[in-house]
Amino acid sequence: MDMSEGLEKVLKDWMELQDLEATANGKPTPEILFPGETLYMHEDTLRYRLWHPLLKQAGIRRLDIHCTRHTFASRLIQDGVNLKYISEQLGLSSIRTTVDIYGHLIPGGNRQAVNRLDEMGVKMGNGETDGY
């Protein structure tokens, strides 16, 4: 999955901090990005100790983490990003799944197709064409 340069920098900084803290405590650097008390962070820890406070700090209403996936896909669609690329970024098995879930968000999809006829020089309504 691709990520923005900004996110890449934040994650690299986080990994450097983990390494420094581990070295200072005489421990090995964690093998996972967000460790919990046990090997993996418990879902409730992620949700209630990290996710909800981050949303509050950012002034965003409380949303489920999964909503960010839909927001990601929706914003890419609004920006006119290729559906195949979006499908790959979401890790979906088929572009059809992407279209089934997000197809209704494609802005003016049908209208754009017929408006291209005007761009090609086809005149509608009077039966005349520009050489077609």
C-alpha atoms as a PDB file:
ATOM      1  CA  MET A   1       0.000   0.000   0.000  1.00  0.00           C
ATOM      2  CA  ASP A   2       1.267   3.474  -0.818  1.00  0.00           C
ATOM      3  CA  MET A   3       1.500   6.137   1.848  1.00  0.00           C
ATOM      4  CA  SER A   4       2.036   9.865   1.775  1.00  0.00           C
ATOM      5  CA  GLU A   5       5.469  11.346   2.373  1.00  0.00           C
ATOM      6  CA  GLY A   6       4.144  13.018   5.516  1.00  0.00           C
ATOM      7  CA  LEU A   7       2.918   9.743   6.987  1.00  0.00           C
ATOM      8  CA  GLU A   8       6.169   8.050   6.030  1.00  0.00           C
ATOM      9  CA  LYS A   9       8.127  10.699   7.964  1.00  0.00           C
ATOM     10  CA  VAL A  10       5.900  10.391  11.036  1.00  0.00           C
ATOM     11  CA  LEU A  11       6.316   6.606  11.062  1.00  0.00           C
ATOM     12  CA  LYS A  12      10.099   6.813  10.597  1.00  0.00           C
ATOM     13  CA  ASP A  13      10.303   9.313  13.461  1.00  0.00           C
ATOM     14  CA  TRP A  14       8.194   6.960  15.614  1.00  0.00           C
ATOM     15  CA  MET A  15      10.480   4.018  14.808  1.00  0.00           C
ATOM     16  CA  GLU A  16      13.559   6.097  15.712  1.00  0.00           C
ATOM     17  CA  LEU A  17      11.928   7.042  19.027  1.00  0.00           C
ATOM     18  CA  GLN A  18      11.149   3.367  19.730  1.00  0.00           C
ATOM     19  CA  ASP A  19      14.779   2.491  19.004  1.00  0.00           C
ATOM     20  CA  LEU A  20      16.114   5.253  21.292  1.00  0.00           C
ATOM     21  CA  GLU A  21      13.764   4.262  24.126  1.00  0.00           C
ATOM     22  CA  ALA A  22      14.685   0.587  23.763  1.00  0.00           C
ATOM     23  CA  THR A  23      18.406   1.400  23.798  1.00  0.00           C
ATOM     24  CA  ALA A  24      18.012   3.670  26.841  1.00  0.00           C
ATOM     25  CA  ASN A  25      16.156   0.884  28.689  1.00  0.00           C
ATOM     26  CA  GLY A  26      18.610  -1.825  27.609  1.00  0.00           C
ATOM     27  CA  LYS A  27      15.944  -3.673  25.662  1.00  0.00           C
ATOM     28  CA  PRO A  28      15.716  -4.741  22.030  1.00  0.00           C
ATOM     29  CA  THR A  29      13.786  -2.537  19.614  1.00  0.00           C
ATOM     30  CA  PRO A  30      10.189  -3.808  19.301  1.00  0.00           C
ATOM     31  CA  GLU A  31       9.542  -5.905  16.212  1.00  0.00           C
ATOM     32  CA  ILE A  32       6.103  -4.394  15.740  1.00  0.00           C
ATOM     33  CA  LEU A  33       5.185  -0.767  15.198  1.00  0.00           C
ATOM     34  CA  PHE A  34       2.653  -0.324  18.031  1.00  0.00           C
ATOM     35  CA  PRO A  35       3.377  -2.847  20.785  1.00  0.00           C
ATOM     36  CA  GLY A  36       1.140  -3.254  23.794  1.00  0.00           C
ATOM     37  CA  GLU A  37       1.675  -4.731  27.262  1.00  0.00           C
ATOM     38  CA  THR A  38       1.734  -8.116  25.577  1.00  0.00           C
ATOM     39  CA  LEU A  39       3.223  -8.719  22.143  1.00  0.00           C
ATOM     40  CA  TYR A  40       0.374  -7.040  20.268  1.00  0.00           C
ATOM     41  CA  MET A  41      -1.673  -4.051  21.257  1.00  0.00           C
ATOM     42  CA  HIS A  42      -5.140  -5.081  22.379  1.00  0.00           C
ATOM     43  CA  GLU A  43      -7.975  -3.647  20.284  1.00  0.00           C
ATOM     44  CA  ASP A  44      -9.485  -1.847  23.300  1.00  0.00           C
ATOM     45  CA  THR A  45      -6.123  -0.250  24.096  1.00  0.00           C
ATOM     46  CA  LEU A  46      -5.854   1.032  20.557  1.00  0.00           C
ATOM     47  CA  ARG A  47      -9.427   2.309  20.553  1.00  0.00           C
ATOM     48  CA  TYR A  48      -9.727   3.863  24.002  1.00  0.00           C
ATOM     49  CA  ARG A  49      -6.187   4.928  24.887  1.00  0.00           C
ATOM     50  CA  LEU A  50      -5.025   6.071  21.465  1.00  0.00           C
ATOM     51  CA  TRP A  51      -7.725   6.425  18.819  1.00  0.00           C
ATOM     52  CA  HIS A  52     -10.438   8.272  20.772  1.00  0.00           C
ATOM     53  CA  PRO A  53      -7.984  10.724  22.423  1.00  0.00           C
ATOM     54  CA  LEU A  54      -6.445  11.465  19.010  1.00  0.00           C
ATOM     55  CA  LEU A  55      -9.874  12.215  17.550  1.00  0.00           C
ATOM     56  CA  LYS A  56     -10.713  14.472  20.493  1.00  0.00           C
ATOM     57  CA  GLN A  57      -7.407  16.322  20.159  1.00  0.00           C
ATOM     58  CA  ALA A  58      -8.026  16.811  16.419  1.00  0.00           C
ATOM     59  CA  GLY A  59     -11.581  18.038  17.042  1.00  0.00           C
ATOM     60  CA  ILE A  60     -13.099  15.151  15.069  1.00  0.00           C
ATOM     61  CA  ARG A  61     -16.260  13.408  16.220  1.00  0.00           C
ATOM     62  CA  ARG A  62     -15.796   9.895  17.542  1.00  0.00           C
ATOM     63  CA  LEU A  63     -15.598   7.469  14.642  1.00  0.00           C
ATOM     64  CA  ASP A  64     -14.770   3.805  14.396  1.00  0.00           C
ATOM     65  CA  ILE A  65     -11.278   3.143  13.043  1.00  0.00           C
ATOM     66  CA  HIS A  66     -12.803   1.297  10.082  1.00  0.00           C
ATOM     67  CA  CYS A  67     -14.464   4.575   9.006  1.00  0.00           C
ATOM     68  CA  THR A  68     -11.032   5.894   8.059  1.00  0.00           C
ATOM     69  CA  ARG A  69     -10.859   3.194   5.377  1.00  0.00           C
ATOM     70  CA  HIS A  70     -14.103   4.415   3.836  1.00  0.00           C
ATOM     71  CA  THR A  71     -12.999   8.038   4.126  1.00  0.00           C
ATOM     72  CA  PHE A  72      -9.721   7.174   2.401  1.00  0.00           C
ATOM     73  CA  ALA A  73     -11.518   5.468  -0.485  1.00  0.00           C
ATOM     74  CA  SER A  74     -14.194   8.154  -0.758  1.00  0.00           C
ATOM     75  CA  ARG A  75     -11.685  10.991  -0.920  1.00  0.00           C
ATOM     76  CA  LEU A  76      -9.637   9.227  -3.582  1.00  0.00           C
ATOM     77  CA  ILE A  77     -12.788   8.750  -5.654  1.00  0.00           C
ATOM     78  CA  GLN A  78     -13.728  12.414  -5.242  1.00  0.00           C
ATOM     79  CA  ASP A  79     -10.258  13.331  -6.483  1.00  0.00           C
ATOM     80  CA  GLY A  80     -10.808  11.235  -9.620  1.00  0.00           C
ATOM     81  CA  VAL A  81      -8.288   8.512  -8.737  1.00  0.00           C
ATOM     82  CA  ASN A  82      -8.458   5.342 -10.825  1.00  0.00           C
ATOM     83  CA  LEU A  83     -10.724   2.713  -9.241  1.00  0.00           C
ATOM     84  CA  LYS A  84      -8.220  -0.069  -9.921  1.00  0.00           C
ATOM     85  CA  TYR A  85      -5.591   1.807  -7.895  1.00  0.00           C
ATOM     86  CA  ILE A  86      -8.096   2.380  -5.059  1.00  0.00           C
ATOM     87  CA  SER A  87      -9.003  -1.311  -5.088  1.00  0.00           C
ATOM     88  CA  GLU A  88      -5.327  -2.250  -4.794  1.00  0.00           C
ATOM     89  CA  GLN A  89      -4.748   0.249  -1.961  1.00  0.00           C
ATOM     90  CA  LEU A  90      -7.693  -1.188  -0.032  1.00  0.00           C
ATOM     91  CA  GLY A  91      -6.423  -4.724  -0.598  1.00  0.00           C
ATOM     92  CA  LEU A  92      -9.677  -5.795  -2.205  1.00  0.00           C
ATOM     93  CA  SER A  93      -9.670  -8.936  -4.304  1.00  0.00           C
ATOM     94  CA  SER A  94     -11.540  -7.359  -7.190  1.00  0.00           C
ATOM     95  CA  ILE A  95     -12.224  -3.954  -8.691  1.00  0.00           C
ATOM     96  CA  ARG A  96     -15.853  -5.124  -8.841  1.00  0.00           C
ATOM     97  CA  THR A  97     -15.961  -5.107  -5.048  1.00  0.00           C
ATOM     98  CA  THR A  98     -14.693  -1.519  -5.093  1.00  0.00           C
ATOM     99  CA  VAL A  99     -17.368  -0.506  -7.604  1.00  0.00           C
ATOM    100  CA  ASP A 100     -20.096  -2.332  -5.672  1.00  0.00           C
ATOM    101  CA  ILE A 101     -19.179  -0.529  -2.440  1.00  0.00           C
ATOM    102  CA  TYR A 102     -18.081   2.890  -3.703  1.00  0.00           C
ATOM    103  CA  GLY A 103     -19.510   3.219  -7.219  1.00  0.00           C
ATOM    104  CA  HIS A 104     -22.286   5.542  -6.084  1.00  0.00           C
ATOM    105  CA  LEU A 105     -19.620   8.073  -5.084  1.00  0.00           C
ATOM    106  CA  ILE A 106     -18.198   8.516  -8.559  1.00  0.00           C
ATOM    107  CA  PRO A 107     -19.101  12.150  -9.253  1.00  0.00           C
ATOM    108  CA  GLY A 108     -21.231  12.541 -12.363  1.00  0.00           C
ATOM    109  CA  GLY A 109     -19.900   9.351 -13.895  1.00  0.00           C
ATOM    110  CA  ASN A 110     -22.668   8.955 -16.473  1.00  0.00           C
ATOM    111  CA  ARG A 111     -23.023  12.662 -17.176  1.00  0.00           C
ATOM    112  CA  GLN A 112     -19.305  12.946 -17.919  1.00  0.00           C
ATOM    113  CA  ALA A 113     -19.552  10.169 -20.491  1.00  0.00           C
ATOM    114  CA  VAL A 114     -22.308  11.826 -22.482  1.00  0.00           C
ATOM    115  CA  ASN A 115     -20.731  15.269 -22.178  1.00  0.00           C
ATOM    116  CA  ARG A 116     -17.654  13.883 -23.931  1.00  0.00           C
ATOM    117  CA  LEU A 117     -19.823  13.480 -27.014  1.00  0.00           C
ATOM    118  CA  ASP A 118     -20.047  17.276 -27.183  1.00  0.00           C
ATOM    119  CA  GLU A 119     -16.270  17.491 -26.892  1.00  0.00           C
ATOM    120  CA  MET A 120     -15.934  15.146 -29.880  1.00  0.00           C
ATOM    121  CA  GLY A 121     -17.998  17.501 -32.000  1.00  0.00           C
ATOM    122  CA  VAL A 122     -21.281  15.631 -31.993  1.00  0.00           C
ATOM    123  CA  LYS A 123     -24.204  18.057 -32.015  1.00  0.00           C
ATOM    124  CA  MET A 124     -27.275  16.768 -30.297  1.00  0.00           C
ATOM    125  CA  GLY A 125     -30.880  17.601 -31.058  1.00  0.00           C
ATOM    126  CA  ASN A 126     -30.787  18.802 -34.675  1.00  0.00           C
ATOM    127  CA  GLY A 127     -29.608  15.622 -36.339  1.00  0.00           C
ATOM    128  CA  GLU A 128     -26.444  17.265 -37.657  1.00  0.00           C
ATOM    129  CA  THR A 129     -22.934  16.140 -36.859  1.00  0.00           C
ATOM    130  CA  ASP A 130     -19.499  17.531 -37.507  1.00  0.00           C
ATOM    131  CA  GLY A 131     -18.475  14.853 -39.961  1.00  0.00           C
ATOM    132  CA  TYR A 132     -19.684  11.863 -37.974  1.00  0.00           C
END
